[in-house]
């Protein structure tokens, strides 16, 4: 009998300011929530979501360098039985592409801690940069069937 695992993500953004001027530092995530689909035990699936990317639009007007960070709010948990989880070391993200000139992390990174997705170049202190992200998941053989969900947090931080 095949067990089915369904993954639902909510995507959230946070702003962190280090200057007290009237800064505009904004992150917009599109889409705000997504269903990654259904999976079987031992599936190791890359390029999620399959039909699009997660677009993170970063806007600033202060001329300062910044970083975009990513983290999970909580473990990827079964919505009916929150003690059943998929470990953060079985759930990865990677930068897919950007229109920016800064540094994009394009290798698989797990969610065991907050990590930098993108570091702006000195020329990107003003304007808009789009960072596109995808996910990878490996479903452990011991995973309980059901619907799983979590929130993915995107944080933009000025670094100067």
N, C-alpha and C. Protein backbone atom coordinates (compact mmCIF):
# COMPACT_ATOMS: atom_id res chain seq x y z
N UNK A 1 0.84 -1.18 0.00
CA UNK A 1 0.00 0.00 0.00
C UNK A 1 0.88 1.24 0.00
N UNK A 2 0.64 2.16 -0.93
CA UNK A 2 1.39 3.41 -1.00
C UNK A 2 0.82 4.43 -0.05
N UNK A 3 1.68 5.01 0.78
CA UNK A 3 1.28 6.12 1.63
C UNK A 3 1.48 7.39 0.83
N UNK A 4 0.57 8.33 0.95
CA UNK A 4 0.68 9.61 0.26
C UNK A 4 0.98 10.70 1.27
N UNK A 5 1.91 11.57 0.90
CA UNK A 5 2.27 12.71 1.70
C UNK A 5 1.98 13.94 0.86
N UNK A 6 1.24 14.91 1.39
CA UNK A 6 0.90 16.14 0.70
C UNK A 6 1.58 17.29 1.42
N UNK A 7 2.26 18.17 0.67
CA UNK A 7 3.02 19.25 1.27
C UNK A 7 2.41 20.60 0.93
N UNK A 8 2.17 21.41 1.95
CA UNK A 8 1.62 22.75 1.82
C UNK A 8 2.58 23.73 2.48
N UNK A 9 2.93 24.82 1.80
CA UNK A 9 3.83 25.81 2.37
C UNK A 9 3.17 27.17 2.40
N UNK A 10 3.36 27.90 3.49
CA UNK A 10 3.03 29.32 3.55
C UNK A 10 4.34 30.07 3.50
N UNK A 11 4.39 31.11 2.71
CA UNK A 11 5.62 31.88 2.53
C UNK A 11 5.43 33.24 3.17
N UNK A 12 6.32 33.60 4.09
CA UNK A 12 6.19 34.81 4.90
C UNK A 12 7.44 35.65 4.72
N UNK A 13 7.29 36.96 4.83
CA UNK A 13 8.45 37.83 4.73
C UNK A 13 8.56 38.69 5.98
N UNK A 14 9.82 39.05 6.32
CA UNK A 14 10.13 39.86 7.49
C UNK A 14 11.14 40.91 7.06
N UNK A 15 11.04 42.10 7.63
CA UNK A 15 12.00 43.16 7.36
C UNK A 15 12.84 43.41 8.61
N UNK A 16 14.13 43.61 8.44
CA UNK A 16 15.00 43.98 9.55
C UNK A 16 15.76 45.22 9.11
N UNK A 17 15.62 46.30 9.87
CA UNK A 17 16.29 47.56 9.54
C UNK A 17 17.45 47.80 10.47
N UNK A 18 18.54 48.29 9.93
CA UNK A 18 19.67 48.70 10.75
C UNK A 18 19.86 50.21 10.70
N UNK A 19 19.14 50.91 9.86
CA UNK A 19 19.21 52.36 9.80
C UNK A 19 17.88 52.93 10.29
N UNK A 20 17.91 54.15 10.77
CA UNK A 20 16.70 54.76 11.29
C UNK A 20 16.18 55.86 10.38
N UNK A 21 16.81 56.05 9.22
CA UNK A 21 16.30 56.97 8.23
C UNK A 21 15.00 56.39 7.68
N UNK A 22 14.33 57.16 6.89
CA UNK A 22 13.06 56.70 6.33
C UNK A 22 13.34 55.73 5.19
N UNK A 23 13.78 54.56 5.55
CA UNK A 23 14.20 53.57 4.56
C UNK A 23 13.00 52.82 4.02
N UNK A 24 13.09 52.49 2.75
CA UNK A 24 12.16 51.56 2.16
C UNK A 24 12.94 50.28 1.91
N UNK A 25 12.59 49.26 2.64
CA UNK A 25 13.22 47.96 2.51
C UNK A 25 12.07 46.97 2.51
N UNK A 26 11.79 46.38 1.37
CA UNK A 26 10.56 45.61 1.22
C UNK A 26 10.83 44.28 0.53
N UNK A 27 10.09 43.26 0.97
CA UNK A 27 10.13 41.95 0.33
C UNK A 27 8.69 41.56 0.00
N UNK A 28 8.48 41.10 -1.22
CA UNK A 28 7.18 40.58 -1.63
C UNK A 28 7.41 39.16 -2.12
N UNK A 29 6.59 38.22 -1.65
CA UNK A 29 6.74 36.82 -2.03
C UNK A 29 5.54 36.42 -2.88
N UNK A 30 5.81 35.81 -4.02
CA UNK A 30 4.75 35.38 -4.93
C UNK A 30 5.02 33.94 -5.37
N UNK A 31 4.12 33.03 -5.06
CA UNK A 31 2.86 33.19 -4.35
C UNK A 31 3.08 33.18 -2.84
N UNK A 32 2.05 33.59 -2.10
CA UNK A 32 2.14 33.65 -0.64
C UNK A 32 1.96 32.27 -0.01
N UNK A 33 1.32 31.36 -0.72
CA UNK A 33 1.23 29.97 -0.25
C UNK A 33 1.21 29.06 -1.47
N UNK A 34 1.62 27.83 -1.25
CA UNK A 34 1.72 26.91 -2.39
C UNK A 34 1.56 25.47 -1.92
N UNK A 35 0.94 24.68 -2.76
CA UNK A 35 0.81 23.24 -2.54
C UNK A 35 1.87 22.57 -3.40
N UNK A 36 2.82 21.90 -2.76
CA UNK A 36 3.91 21.27 -3.52
C UNK A 36 3.51 19.94 -4.14
N UNK A 37 2.34 19.41 -3.79
CA UNK A 37 1.88 18.18 -4.41
C UNK A 37 1.91 17.00 -3.48
N UNK A 38 1.78 15.81 -4.05
CA UNK A 38 1.77 14.58 -3.26
C UNK A 38 3.01 13.76 -3.59
N UNK A 39 3.45 12.99 -2.59
CA UNK A 39 4.69 12.24 -2.69
C UNK A 39 4.52 10.88 -2.05
N UNK A 40 5.35 9.93 -2.45
CA UNK A 40 5.39 8.60 -1.86
C UNK A 40 6.61 8.50 -0.94
N UNK A 41 6.61 7.50 -0.09
CA UNK A 41 7.75 7.26 0.77
C UNK A 41 9.00 7.07 -0.08
N UNK A 42 10.12 7.58 0.40
CA UNK A 42 11.43 7.51 -0.25
C UNK A 42 11.55 8.37 -1.50
N UNK A 43 10.52 9.12 -1.88
CA UNK A 43 10.66 10.05 -3.01
C UNK A 43 11.72 11.08 -2.67
N UNK A 44 12.56 11.40 -3.64
CA UNK A 44 13.54 12.47 -3.54
C UNK A 44 13.27 13.37 -4.75
N UNK A 45 12.57 14.46 -4.53
CA UNK A 45 12.05 15.27 -5.62
C UNK A 45 12.65 16.67 -5.59
N UNK A 46 13.14 17.10 -6.72
CA UNK A 46 13.78 18.41 -6.89
C UNK A 46 12.89 19.30 -7.76
N UNK A 47 13.24 20.55 -7.87
CA UNK A 47 12.56 21.53 -8.73
C UNK A 47 11.10 21.73 -8.33
N UNK A 48 10.87 21.90 -7.02
CA UNK A 48 9.53 22.17 -6.51
C UNK A 48 9.37 23.66 -6.22
N UNK A 49 8.26 24.27 -6.50
CA UNK A 49 7.11 23.69 -7.18
C UNK A 49 7.44 23.35 -8.63
N UNK A 50 6.75 22.35 -9.14
CA UNK A 50 7.06 21.81 -10.47
C UNK A 50 6.76 22.78 -11.61
N UNK A 51 5.73 23.59 -11.45
CA UNK A 51 5.24 24.42 -12.55
C UNK A 51 5.63 25.89 -12.48
N UNK A 52 6.44 26.27 -11.48
CA UNK A 52 6.81 27.68 -11.33
C UNK A 52 7.95 27.81 -10.34
N UNK A 53 8.34 29.03 -10.06
CA UNK A 53 9.31 29.31 -9.01
C UNK A 53 8.64 30.14 -7.93
N UNK A 54 9.29 30.24 -6.79
CA UNK A 54 8.88 31.19 -5.76
C UNK A 54 9.64 32.47 -6.05
N UNK A 55 8.92 33.55 -6.35
CA UNK A 55 9.55 34.83 -6.67
C UNK A 55 9.58 35.70 -5.42
N UNK A 56 10.79 36.11 -5.05
CA UNK A 56 10.96 37.00 -3.91
C UNK A 56 11.48 38.33 -4.47
N UNK A 57 10.65 39.37 -4.35
CA UNK A 57 10.99 40.68 -4.91
C UNK A 57 11.51 41.55 -3.78
N UNK A 58 12.78 41.96 -3.88
CA UNK A 58 13.45 42.74 -2.84
C UNK A 58 13.62 44.17 -3.35
N UNK A 59 13.14 45.14 -2.56
CA UNK A 59 13.20 46.55 -2.96
C UNK A 59 13.81 47.36 -1.83
N UNK A 60 14.73 48.26 -2.18
CA UNK A 60 15.32 49.16 -1.20
C UNK A 60 15.65 50.49 -1.87
N UNK A 61 15.74 51.56 -1.06
CA UNK A 61 16.06 52.88 -1.61
C UNK A 61 17.17 53.59 -0.83
N UNK A 62 17.88 52.88 0.02
CA UNK A 62 18.86 53.52 0.89
C UNK A 62 20.30 53.47 0.39
N UNK A 63 20.57 52.71 -0.66
CA UNK A 63 21.92 52.63 -1.18
C UNK A 63 22.83 51.72 -0.38
N UNK A 64 22.28 51.00 0.58
CA UNK A 64 23.08 50.12 1.43
C UNK A 64 23.01 48.68 0.93
N UNK A 65 24.08 47.91 1.10
CA UNK A 65 24.02 46.49 0.75
C UNK A 65 23.06 45.74 1.68
N UNK A 66 22.58 44.62 1.21
CA UNK A 66 21.59 43.85 1.98
C UNK A 66 21.73 42.38 1.66
N UNK A 67 21.09 41.56 2.50
CA UNK A 67 21.03 40.11 2.31
C UNK A 67 19.59 39.65 2.41
N UNK A 68 19.27 38.64 1.62
CA UNK A 68 17.99 37.94 1.74
C UNK A 68 18.27 36.61 2.41
N UNK A 69 17.56 36.33 3.51
CA UNK A 69 17.76 35.09 4.27
C UNK A 69 16.50 34.25 4.22
N UNK A 70 16.66 32.95 4.50
CA UNK A 70 15.54 32.01 4.48
C UNK A 70 15.64 31.09 5.70
N UNK A 71 14.48 30.71 6.22
CA UNK A 71 14.43 29.81 7.37
C UNK A 71 13.02 29.23 7.47
N UNK A 72 12.86 28.18 8.25
CA UNK A 72 11.53 27.63 8.55
C UNK A 72 11.05 28.18 9.88
N UNK A 73 9.76 28.49 9.95
CA UNK A 73 9.17 28.90 11.22
C UNK A 73 9.07 27.71 12.18
N UNK A 74 8.77 26.56 11.62
CA UNK A 74 8.67 25.33 12.41
C UNK A 74 8.94 24.14 11.50
N UNK A 75 9.07 22.97 12.08
CA UNK A 75 9.30 21.77 11.28
C UNK A 75 8.13 21.52 10.33
N UNK A 76 8.41 20.81 9.25
CA UNK A 76 7.39 20.39 8.30
C UNK A 76 6.59 19.29 8.98
N UNK A 77 5.40 19.63 9.47
CA UNK A 77 4.64 18.73 10.36
C UNK A 77 3.32 18.32 9.73
N UNK A 78 2.86 17.11 10.13
CA UNK A 78 1.56 16.60 9.74
C UNK A 78 0.50 17.50 10.37
N UNK A 79 -0.42 18.01 9.57
CA UNK A 79 -1.42 18.96 10.07
C UNK A 79 -2.40 18.32 11.03
N UNK A 80 -2.61 17.01 10.95
CA UNK A 80 -3.52 16.32 11.86
C UNK A 80 -2.81 15.74 13.08
N UNK A 81 -1.51 15.50 12.95
CA UNK A 81 -0.71 14.94 14.04
C UNK A 81 0.65 15.65 14.05
N UNK A 82 0.73 16.85 14.68
CA UNK A 82 1.94 17.67 14.61
C UNK A 82 3.21 17.01 15.15
N UNK A 83 3.08 15.89 15.86
CA UNK A 83 4.29 15.20 16.32
C UNK A 83 4.94 14.40 15.19
N UNK A 84 4.22 14.17 14.10
CA UNK A 84 4.78 13.49 12.92
C UNK A 84 5.39 14.57 12.03
N UNK A 85 6.72 14.54 11.87
CA UNK A 85 7.41 15.59 11.13
C UNK A 85 8.35 15.00 10.08
N UNK A 86 8.67 15.82 9.10
CA UNK A 86 9.73 15.52 8.15
C UNK A 86 10.92 16.38 8.59
N UNK A 87 12.06 15.78 8.88
CA UNK A 87 13.19 16.54 9.42
C UNK A 87 13.63 17.67 8.46
N UNK A 88 14.09 18.77 9.05
CA UNK A 88 14.55 19.90 8.24
C UNK A 88 15.75 19.53 7.38
N UNK A 89 16.44 18.45 7.74
CA UNK A 89 17.57 17.99 6.93
C UNK A 89 17.12 17.17 5.72
N UNK A 90 15.81 16.95 5.58
CA UNK A 90 15.24 16.28 4.41
C UNK A 90 14.50 17.26 3.51
N UNK A 91 14.61 18.54 3.81
CA UNK A 91 13.91 19.60 3.07
C UNK A 91 14.95 20.67 2.74
N UNK A 92 15.13 20.93 1.45
CA UNK A 92 16.16 21.85 0.98
C UNK A 92 15.55 22.96 0.14
N UNK A 93 16.29 24.04 0.02
CA UNK A 93 15.97 25.13 -0.90
C UNK A 93 17.23 25.40 -1.73
N UNK A 94 17.06 26.08 -2.84
CA UNK A 94 18.20 26.57 -3.61
C UNK A 94 17.75 27.74 -4.46
N UNK A 95 18.68 28.68 -4.69
CA UNK A 95 18.40 29.80 -5.57
C UNK A 95 18.35 29.30 -7.00
N UNK A 96 17.30 29.63 -7.70
CA UNK A 96 17.10 29.16 -9.07
C UNK A 96 17.66 30.16 -10.09
N UNK A 97 17.29 31.43 -9.92
CA UNK A 97 17.83 32.49 -10.78
C UNK A 97 17.50 33.85 -10.17
N UNK A 98 18.15 34.88 -10.72
CA UNK A 98 17.91 36.25 -10.27
C UNK A 98 18.15 37.20 -11.43
N UNK A 99 17.56 38.37 -11.34
CA UNK A 99 17.87 39.44 -12.30
C UNK A 99 18.95 40.35 -11.74
N UNK A 100 19.44 40.05 -10.54
CA UNK A 100 20.43 40.89 -9.88
C UNK A 100 21.85 40.55 -10.27
N UNK A 101 22.77 41.39 -9.77
CA UNK A 101 24.19 41.20 -10.04
C UNK A 101 24.96 40.75 -8.80
N UNK A 102 24.24 40.47 -7.72
CA UNK A 102 24.87 40.00 -6.49
C UNK A 102 25.14 38.51 -6.52
N UNK A 103 25.29 37.93 -5.34
CA UNK A 103 25.65 36.52 -5.20
C UNK A 103 24.44 35.69 -4.78
N UNK A 104 24.06 34.73 -5.63
CA UNK A 104 22.93 33.84 -5.39
C UNK A 104 23.44 32.45 -5.04
N UNK A 105 22.95 31.88 -3.95
CA UNK A 105 23.32 30.50 -3.57
C UNK A 105 22.48 29.55 -4.41
N UNK A 106 23.13 28.74 -5.24
CA UNK A 106 22.40 27.86 -6.16
C UNK A 106 22.56 26.38 -5.81
N UNK A 107 23.24 26.08 -4.72
CA UNK A 107 23.39 24.69 -4.28
C UNK A 107 22.32 24.36 -3.24
N UNK A 108 21.96 23.09 -3.14
CA UNK A 108 20.95 22.66 -2.16
C UNK A 108 21.42 22.98 -0.74
N UNK A 109 20.56 23.65 0.01
CA UNK A 109 20.83 24.01 1.40
C UNK A 109 19.65 23.54 2.24
N UNK A 110 19.93 22.81 3.33
CA UNK A 110 18.81 22.34 4.14
C UNK A 110 18.32 23.46 5.06
N UNK A 111 17.23 23.19 5.75
CA UNK A 111 16.59 24.17 6.61
C UNK A 111 16.99 24.00 8.08
N UNK A 112 18.16 23.43 8.36
CA UNK A 112 18.56 23.22 9.74
C UNK A 112 18.88 24.53 10.46
N UNK A 113 19.13 25.60 9.70
CA UNK A 113 19.36 26.91 10.30
C UNK A 113 19.07 27.99 9.28
N UNK A 114 18.96 29.24 9.75
CA UNK A 114 18.74 30.35 8.83
C UNK A 114 19.96 30.52 7.94
N UNK A 115 19.73 30.74 6.65
CA UNK A 115 20.84 30.86 5.70
C UNK A 115 20.60 32.04 4.76
N UNK A 116 21.68 32.53 4.20
CA UNK A 116 21.62 33.61 3.22
C UNK A 116 21.33 33.00 1.84
N UNK A 117 20.31 33.53 1.17
CA UNK A 117 19.96 33.12 -0.19
C UNK A 117 20.69 34.00 -1.20
N UNK A 118 20.72 35.31 -0.91
CA UNK A 118 21.24 36.28 -1.86
C UNK A 118 21.93 37.41 -1.11
N UNK A 119 23.09 37.82 -1.62
CA UNK A 119 23.80 38.98 -1.10
C UNK A 119 23.89 40.01 -2.22
N UNK A 120 23.42 41.22 -1.95
CA UNK A 120 23.40 42.24 -3.00
C UNK A 120 24.81 42.68 -3.36
N UNK A 121 24.94 43.17 -4.58
CA UNK A 121 26.19 43.79 -5.01
C UNK A 121 26.16 45.26 -4.57
N UNK A 122 27.30 45.94 -4.59
CA UNK A 122 27.30 47.36 -4.20
C UNK A 122 26.38 48.23 -5.06
N UNK A 123 26.08 47.79 -6.26
CA UNK A 123 25.23 48.57 -7.16
C UNK A 123 23.75 48.37 -6.91
N UNK A 124 23.38 47.45 -6.01
CA UNK A 124 21.97 47.11 -5.81
C UNK A 124 21.38 47.70 -4.54
N UNK A 125 21.95 48.77 -4.04
CA UNK A 125 21.43 49.41 -2.84
C UNK A 125 20.15 50.18 -3.09
N UNK A 126 19.85 50.45 -4.34
CA UNK A 126 18.61 51.12 -4.74
C UNK A 126 17.95 50.29 -5.84
N UNK A 127 16.63 50.20 -5.79
CA UNK A 127 15.93 49.50 -6.86
C UNK A 127 15.35 48.18 -6.43
N UNK A 128 15.10 47.34 -7.42
CA UNK A 128 14.39 46.08 -7.21
C UNK A 128 15.22 44.92 -7.75
N UNK A 129 15.32 43.86 -6.95
CA UNK A 129 15.97 42.63 -7.37
C UNK A 129 14.99 41.48 -7.17
N UNK A 130 14.86 40.63 -8.17
CA UNK A 130 13.99 39.46 -8.07
C UNK A 130 14.87 38.22 -7.89
N UNK A 131 14.59 37.48 -6.83
CA UNK A 131 15.29 36.24 -6.53
C UNK A 131 14.27 35.11 -6.63
N UNK A 132 14.57 34.10 -7.42
CA UNK A 132 13.66 32.97 -7.57
C UNK A 132 14.24 31.75 -6.86
N UNK A 133 13.39 31.07 -6.10
CA UNK A 133 13.80 29.96 -5.25
C UNK A 133 12.99 28.72 -5.60
N UNK A 134 13.61 27.56 -5.47
CA UNK A 134 12.92 26.27 -5.61
C UNK A 134 13.27 25.40 -4.41
N UNK A 135 12.55 24.28 -4.28
CA UNK A 135 12.73 23.39 -3.15
C UNK A 135 13.01 21.96 -3.60
N UNK A 136 13.56 21.19 -2.68
CA UNK A 136 13.78 19.75 -2.85
C UNK A 136 13.34 19.07 -1.57
N UNK A 137 12.72 17.90 -1.67
CA UNK A 137 12.25 17.15 -0.50
C UNK A 137 12.58 15.68 -0.67
N UNK A 138 12.99 15.06 0.42
CA UNK A 138 13.16 13.60 0.45
C UNK A 138 12.27 13.09 1.57
N UNK A 139 11.31 12.25 1.22
CA UNK A 139 10.35 11.73 2.18
C UNK A 139 10.93 10.49 2.85
N UNK A 140 11.21 10.55 4.16
CA UNK A 140 11.74 9.36 4.85
C UNK A 140 10.75 8.19 4.80
N UNK A 141 11.29 7.00 4.80
CA UNK A 141 10.46 5.79 4.73
C UNK A 141 9.49 5.68 5.90
N UNK A 142 9.82 6.28 7.02
CA UNK A 142 9.00 6.17 8.23
C UNK A 142 7.92 7.26 8.32
N UNK A 143 7.78 8.10 7.30
CA UNK A 143 6.85 9.22 7.36
C UNK A 143 5.40 8.75 7.38
N UNK A 144 4.63 9.28 8.30
CA UNK A 144 3.20 8.99 8.41
C UNK A 144 2.48 9.68 7.25
N UNK A 145 1.53 9.02 6.63
CA UNK A 145 0.79 9.65 5.53
C UNK A 145 -0.05 10.80 6.06
N UNK A 146 -0.36 11.75 5.19
CA UNK A 146 -1.19 12.88 5.58
C UNK A 146 -0.75 14.16 4.91
N UNK A 147 -1.34 15.25 5.36
CA UNK A 147 -1.03 16.59 4.86
C UNK A 147 -0.01 17.24 5.78
N UNK A 148 1.08 17.75 5.21
CA UNK A 148 2.15 18.37 5.97
C UNK A 148 2.26 19.84 5.57
N UNK A 149 2.63 20.67 6.51
CA UNK A 149 2.78 22.08 6.21
C UNK A 149 3.75 22.78 7.14
N UNK A 150 4.20 23.94 6.71
CA UNK A 150 5.04 24.81 7.52
C UNK A 150 5.04 26.19 6.88
N UNK A 151 5.71 27.12 7.53
CA UNK A 151 5.92 28.46 6.97
C UNK A 151 7.40 28.63 6.66
N UNK A 152 7.67 29.12 5.47
CA UNK A 152 9.02 29.47 5.06
C UNK A 152 9.15 30.98 5.24
N UNK A 153 10.16 31.40 5.99
CA UNK A 153 10.36 32.81 6.29
C UNK A 153 11.47 33.39 5.42
N UNK A 154 11.20 34.51 4.76
CA UNK A 154 12.20 35.26 4.03
C UNK A 154 12.44 36.56 4.78
N UNK A 155 13.70 36.88 5.04
CA UNK A 155 14.07 38.08 5.79
C UNK A 155 15.06 38.89 4.97
N UNK A 156 14.83 40.18 4.87
CA UNK A 156 15.79 41.05 4.20
C UNK A 156 16.45 41.91 5.29
N UNK A 157 17.79 41.98 5.25
CA UNK A 157 18.57 42.66 6.28
C UNK A 157 19.60 43.55 5.60
N UNK A 158 19.64 44.84 5.97
CA UNK A 158 20.73 45.69 5.52
C UNK A 158 22.00 45.26 6.20
N UNK A 159 23.10 45.23 5.47
CA UNK A 159 24.37 44.76 6.04
C UNK A 159 25.35 45.89 6.30
N UNK A 160 24.98 47.13 6.02
CA UNK A 160 25.87 48.27 6.28
C UNK A 160 25.35 49.12 7.40
